Amino acid sequence: MKLLAVFLLVSSAVVQASACASGWTLIFNRCFIYVPNYMTWADAEKNCLSMGANLASVHHLNEYRQVQALIAIAGHGFKEAWIGGTDAQQWGTWLWSDGSPMKYTNWCPWQPDNHFGSQHCLQMNYSSKKCWDDMKCTHRNPSVCAKKI
C-alpha cells in the first residue's frame, strides 16, 4: 500500500516531466535521475557533475518519498543509494554537495554515528526504516542525481 501511495506521488509529478530531459523525472521543480551503477560517493558526485547535476539534496519528507518512489519505479525497490550529504569537511557539520542548506533530515535512530570515525557520506533507504545513515564514502552504492530546471 505504501508503494502505491509513493507511486501516485511520483505519477503526479511526471505529468510535467517535459521540463526535464529524457530519463529524468521532475520532482518539485528539479529534475532527478536514479543511477543504478555502484560507485563511491565521490565517483557518484563526479558522475552527476558530468550530467550538469549534483548528488541529490532532499528538502522535505514529501520530496524524500518521491525520490524513494523514483528508485522503486526504476525496478530497484527501496535500495540504498547515495544522495548529496557529507560531513567530510568538518565532522558533524552536514552539507549538501549542491550548496543548499541542510534543514530537513531523515536520520535513522542513533545516526549519524560516524562509526570508527570514518563515515562521512549520506546514504538513503537504510535499514527496515528506509531512513538516512552515514556511511564510509568509499563504499559503493547506486545514486540519485538532481539538477535545477
C-alpha atoms as a PDB file:
ATOM      1  CA  MET A   1       0.000   0.000   0.000  1.00  0.00           C
ATOM      2  CA  LYS A   2       2.842   2.416   0.838  1.00  0.00           C
ATOM      3  CA  LEU A   3       4.481   1.723  -2.514  1.00  0.00           C
ATOM      4  CA  LEU A   4       1.204   2.547  -4.279  1.00  0.00           C
ATOM      5  CA  ALA A   5       0.924   5.856  -2.400  1.00  0.00           C
ATOM      6  CA  VAL A   6       4.519   6.727  -3.254  1.00  0.00           C
ATOM      7  CA  PHE A   7       3.925   5.747  -6.883  1.00  0.00           C
ATOM      8  CA  LEU A   8       0.942   8.092  -7.032  1.00  0.00           C
ATOM      9  CA  LEU A   9       3.053  10.969  -5.696  1.00  0.00           C
ATOM     10  CA  VAL A  10       5.631  10.486  -8.435  1.00  0.00           C
ATOM     11  CA  SER A  11       2.987   9.918 -11.099  1.00  0.00           C
ATOM     12  CA  SER A  12       1.506  13.346 -10.431  1.00  0.00           C
ATOM     13  CA  ALA A  13       4.936  14.939 -10.824  1.00  0.00           C
ATOM     14  CA  VAL A  14       5.644  13.019 -14.042  1.00  0.00           C
ATOM     15  CA  VAL A  15       2.761  14.817 -15.777  1.00  0.00           C
ATOM     16  CA  GLN A  16       5.034  17.861 -16.032  1.00  0.00           C
ATOM     17  CA  ALA A  17       8.101  15.796 -16.939  1.00  0.00           C
ATOM     18  CA  SER A  18       8.554  17.561 -20.276  1.00  0.00           C
ATOM     19  CA  ALA A  19      10.533  20.162 -18.306  1.00  0.00           C
ATOM     20  CA  CYS A  20      13.243  17.517 -17.806  1.00  0.00           C
ATOM     21  CA  ALA A  21      15.401  15.741 -20.365  1.00  0.00           C
ATOM     22  CA  SER A  22      14.606  12.168 -21.319  1.00  0.00           C
ATOM     23  CA  GLY A  23      15.302   9.769 -18.447  1.00  0.00           C
ATOM     24  CA  TRP A  24      14.961  12.477 -15.797  1.00  0.00           C
ATOM     25  CA  THR A  25      11.909  12.925 -13.545  1.00  0.00           C
ATOM     26  CA  LEU A  26      10.511  16.236 -12.371  1.00  0.00           C
ATOM     27  CA  ILE A  27      10.101  16.426  -8.582  1.00  0.00           C
ATOM     28  CA  PHE A  28       9.343  19.837  -7.037  1.00  0.00           C
ATOM     29  CA  ASN A  29      10.930  21.955  -9.779  1.00  0.00           C
ATOM     30  CA  ARG A  30      14.107  19.902 -10.069  1.00  0.00           C
ATOM     31  CA  CYS A  31      14.984  17.009 -12.364  1.00  0.00           C
ATOM     32  CA  PHE A  32      16.104  13.739 -10.751  1.00  0.00           C
ATOM     33  CA  ILE A  33      17.654  10.572 -12.130  1.00  0.00           C
ATOM     34  CA  TYR A  34      18.467   7.258 -10.455  1.00  0.00           C
ATOM     35  CA  VAL A  35      21.887   5.863 -11.411  1.00  0.00           C
ATOM     36  CA  PRO A  36      21.979   2.088 -10.726  1.00  0.00           C
ATOM     37  CA  ASN A  37      25.786   1.805 -11.123  1.00  0.00           C
ATOM     38  CA  TYR A  38      27.682   1.060  -7.906  1.00  0.00           C
ATOM     39  CA  MET A  39      30.198   3.841  -7.218  1.00  0.00           C
ATOM     40  CA  THR A  40      31.940   5.522  -4.321  1.00  0.00           C
ATOM     41  CA  TRP A  41      30.297   8.751  -3.122  1.00  0.00           C
ATOM     42  CA  ALA A  42      32.973  10.891  -4.852  1.00  0.00           C
ATOM     43  CA  ASP A  43      32.651   8.996  -8.148  1.00  0.00           C
ATOM     44  CA  ALA A  44      28.858   9.275  -7.921  1.00  0.00           C
ATOM     45  CA  GLU A  45      29.143  13.048  -7.408  1.00  0.00           C
ATOM     46  CA  LYS A  46      31.574  13.306 -10.356  1.00  0.00           C
ATOM     47  CA  ASN A  47      29.110  11.326 -12.465  1.00  0.00           C
ATOM     48  CA  CYS A  48      26.289  13.699 -11.513  1.00  0.00           C
ATOM     49  CA  LEU A  49      28.504  16.705 -12.288  1.00  0.00           C
ATOM     50  CA  SER A  50      29.171  15.260 -15.763  1.00  0.00           C
ATOM     51  CA  MET A  51      25.394  15.479 -16.335  1.00  0.00           C
ATOM     52  CA  GLY A  52      25.141  19.070 -15.069  1.00  0.00           C
ATOM     53  CA  ALA A  53      23.794  17.910 -11.705  1.00  0.00           C
ATOM     54  CA  ASN A  54      24.870  17.047  -8.155  1.00  0.00           C
ATOM     55  CA  LEU A  55      24.053  14.159  -5.906  1.00  0.00           C
ATOM     56  CA  ALA A  56      20.501  14.923  -4.799  1.00  0.00           C
ATOM     57  CA  SER A  57      19.713  17.148  -1.868  1.00  0.00           C
ATOM     58  CA  VAL A  58      16.393  16.463  -0.141  1.00  0.00           C
ATOM     59  CA  HIS A  59      14.464  19.289   1.479  1.00  0.00           C
ATOM     60  CA  HIS A  60      11.319  17.733   2.979  1.00  0.00           C
ATOM     61  CA  LEU A  61       9.625  14.400   3.645  1.00  0.00           C
ATOM     62  CA  ASN A  62       7.367  14.523   0.590  1.00  0.00           C
ATOM     63  CA  GLU A  63      10.391  15.050  -1.655  1.00  0.00           C
ATOM     64  CA  TYR A  64      12.190  12.143   0.074  1.00  0.00           C
ATOM     65  CA  ARG A  65       9.197   9.864  -0.551  1.00  0.00           C
ATOM     66  CA  GLN A  66       9.176  10.826  -4.221  1.00  0.00           C
ATOM     67  CA  VAL A  67      12.907  10.108  -4.559  1.00  0.00           C
ATOM     68  CA  GLN A  68      12.248   6.716  -2.941  1.00  0.00           C
ATOM     69  CA  ALA A  69       9.479   6.128  -5.482  1.00  0.00           C
ATOM     70  CA  LEU A  70      11.831   7.085  -8.316  1.00  0.00           C
ATOM     71  CA  ILE A  71      14.148   4.238  -7.265  1.00  0.00           C
ATOM     72  CA  ALA A  72      11.247   1.810  -6.792  1.00  0.00           C
ATOM     73  CA  ILE A  73       9.724   2.613 -10.182  1.00  0.00           C
ATOM     74  CA  ALA A  74      13.138   2.035 -11.791  1.00  0.00           C
ATOM     75  CA  GLY A  75      12.727  -1.554 -10.576  1.00  0.00           C
ATOM     76  CA  HIS A  76      15.149  -1.388  -7.675  1.00  0.00           C
ATOM     77  CA  GLY A  77      12.729  -1.449  -4.729  1.00  0.00           C
ATOM     78  CA  PHE A  78      13.856   0.604  -1.774  1.00  0.00           C
ATOM     79  CA  LYS A  79      17.578   0.073  -2.389  1.00  0.00           C
ATOM     80  CA  GLU A  80      20.205   2.058  -0.513  1.00  0.00           C
ATOM     81  CA  ALA A  81      21.610   4.896  -2.616  1.00  0.00           C
ATOM     82  CA  TRP A  82      23.925   7.866  -2.275  1.00  0.00           C
ATOM     83  CA  ILE A  83      22.443  11.319  -2.008  1.00  0.00           C
ATOM     84  CA  GLY A  84      24.462  14.531  -1.672  1.00  0.00           C
ATOM     85  CA  GLY A  85      25.002  14.874   2.076  1.00  0.00           C
ATOM     86  CA  THR A  86      28.517  14.874   3.524  1.00  0.00           C
ATOM     87  CA  ASP A  87      30.351  15.991   6.641  1.00  0.00           C
ATOM     88  CA  ALA A  88      33.800  15.266   5.178  1.00  0.00           C
ATOM     89  CA  GLN A  89      34.954  18.872   5.631  1.00  0.00           C
ATOM     90  CA  GLN A  90      34.074  19.035   9.328  1.00  0.00           C
ATOM     91  CA  TRP A  91      32.734  16.150  11.384  1.00  0.00           C
ATOM     92  CA  GLY A  92      29.136  16.715  12.414  1.00  0.00           C
ATOM     93  CA  THR A  93      28.534  19.616  10.013  1.00  0.00           C
ATOM     94  CA  TRP A  94      26.409  18.069   7.289  1.00  0.00           C
ATOM     95  CA  LEU A  95      26.276  19.896   3.964  1.00  0.00           C
ATOM     96  CA  TRP A  96      24.626  19.210   0.617  1.00  0.00           C
ATOM     97  CA  SER A  97      27.024  18.948  -2.339  1.00  0.00           C
ATOM     98  CA  ASP A  98      24.808  21.342  -4.331  1.00  0.00           C
ATOM     99  CA  GLY A  99      25.390  24.084  -1.729  1.00  0.00           C
ATOM    100  CA  SER A 100      21.790  24.233  -0.488  1.00  0.00           C
ATOM    101  CA  PRO A 101      21.230  24.359   3.297  1.00  0.00           C
ATOM    102  CA  MET A 102      20.513  21.062   5.076  1.00  0.00           C
ATOM    103  CA  LYS A 103      17.415  21.995   7.051  1.00  0.00           C
ATOM    104  CA  TYR A 104      15.459  18.729   6.656  1.00  0.00           C
ATOM    105  CA  THR A 105      16.979  15.427   7.801  1.00  0.00           C
ATOM    106  CA  ASN A 106      15.656  11.878   8.000  1.00  0.00           C
ATOM    107  CA  TRP A 107      18.349  10.142  10.049  1.00  0.00           C
ATOM    108  CA  CYS A 108      17.749   6.627  11.320  1.00  0.00           C
ATOM    109  CA  PRO A 109      17.770   6.186  15.100  1.00  0.00           C
ATOM    110  CA  TRP A 110      21.302   6.656  16.511  1.00  0.00           C
ATOM    111  CA  GLN A 111      22.544   8.108  13.216  1.00  0.00           C
ATOM    112  CA  PRO A 112      24.750   9.694  12.147  1.00  0.00           C
ATOM    113  CA  ASP A 113      27.226   7.829  14.324  1.00  0.00           C
ATOM    114  CA  ASN A 114      30.500   8.179  12.367  1.00  0.00           C
ATOM    115  CA  HIS A 115      31.250   4.510  13.114  1.00  0.00           C
ATOM    116  CA  PHE A 116      35.011   4.012  13.539  1.00  0.00           C
ATOM    117  CA  GLY A 117      35.472   7.706  12.721  1.00  0.00           C
ATOM    118  CA  SER A 118      35.207   7.087   9.000  1.00  0.00           C
ATOM    119  CA  GLN A 119      31.583   7.621   7.898  1.00  0.00           C
ATOM    120  CA  HIS A 120      31.181  10.966   6.175  1.00  0.00           C
ATOM    121  CA  CYS A 121      28.716  10.364   3.318  1.00  0.00           C
ATOM    122  CA  LEU A 122      24.934  10.054   3.313  1.00  0.00           C
ATOM    123  CA  GLN A 123      23.059   7.019   2.050  1.00  0.00           C
ATOM    124  CA  MET A 124      19.268   6.843   1.928  1.00  0.00           C
ATOM    125  CA  ASN A 125      16.906   3.878   2.342  1.00  0.00           C
ATOM    126  CA  TYR A 126      18.974   2.388   5.147  1.00  0.00           C
ATOM    127  CA  SER A 127      17.587  -0.435   7.294  1.00  0.00           C
ATOM    128  CA  SER A 128      13.970  -1.544   7.524  1.00  0.00           C
ATOM    129  CA  LYS A 129      13.057   2.070   8.403  1.00  0.00           C
ATOM    130  CA  LYS A 130      14.366   3.298   4.991  1.00  0.00           C
ATOM    131  CA  CYS A 131      15.929   6.351   6.618  1.00  0.00           C
ATOM    132  CA  TRP A 132      19.349   8.036   6.368  1.00  0.00           C
ATOM    133  CA  ASP A 133      22.678   6.635   7.505  1.00  0.00           C
ATOM    134  CA  ASP A 134      26.219   7.940   7.420  1.00  0.00           C
ATOM    135  CA  MET A 135      28.444   5.536   5.513  1.00  0.00           C
ATOM    136  CA  LYS A 136      32.095   5.239   4.595  1.00  0.00           C
ATOM    137  CA  CYS A 137      32.490   7.298   1.395  1.00  0.00           C
ATOM    138  CA  THR A 138      34.497   4.550  -0.321  1.00  0.00           C
ATOM    139  CA  HIS A 139      31.539   2.151  -0.031  1.00  0.00           C
ATOM    140  CA  ARG A 140      29.893   1.538  -3.412  1.00  0.00           C
ATOM    141  CA  ASN A 141      26.218   2.378  -3.843  1.00  0.00           C
ATOM    142  CA  PRO A 142      23.853   3.376  -6.631  1.00  0.00           C
ATOM    143  CA  SER A 143      22.991   7.088  -6.525  1.00  0.00           C
ATOM    144  CA  VAL A 144      20.413   9.783  -7.212  1.00  0.00           C
ATOM    145  CA  CYS A 145      21.351  12.983  -9.056  1.00  0.00           C
ATOM    146  CA  ALA A 146      19.335  16.198  -9.195  1.00  0.00           C
ATOM    147  CA  LYS A 147      19.574  19.439 -11.152  1.00  0.00           C
ATOM    148  CA  LYS A 148      17.577  22.615 -11.452  1.00  0.00           C
ATOM    149  CA  ILE A 149      15.296  23.016 -14.446  1.00  0.00           C
END
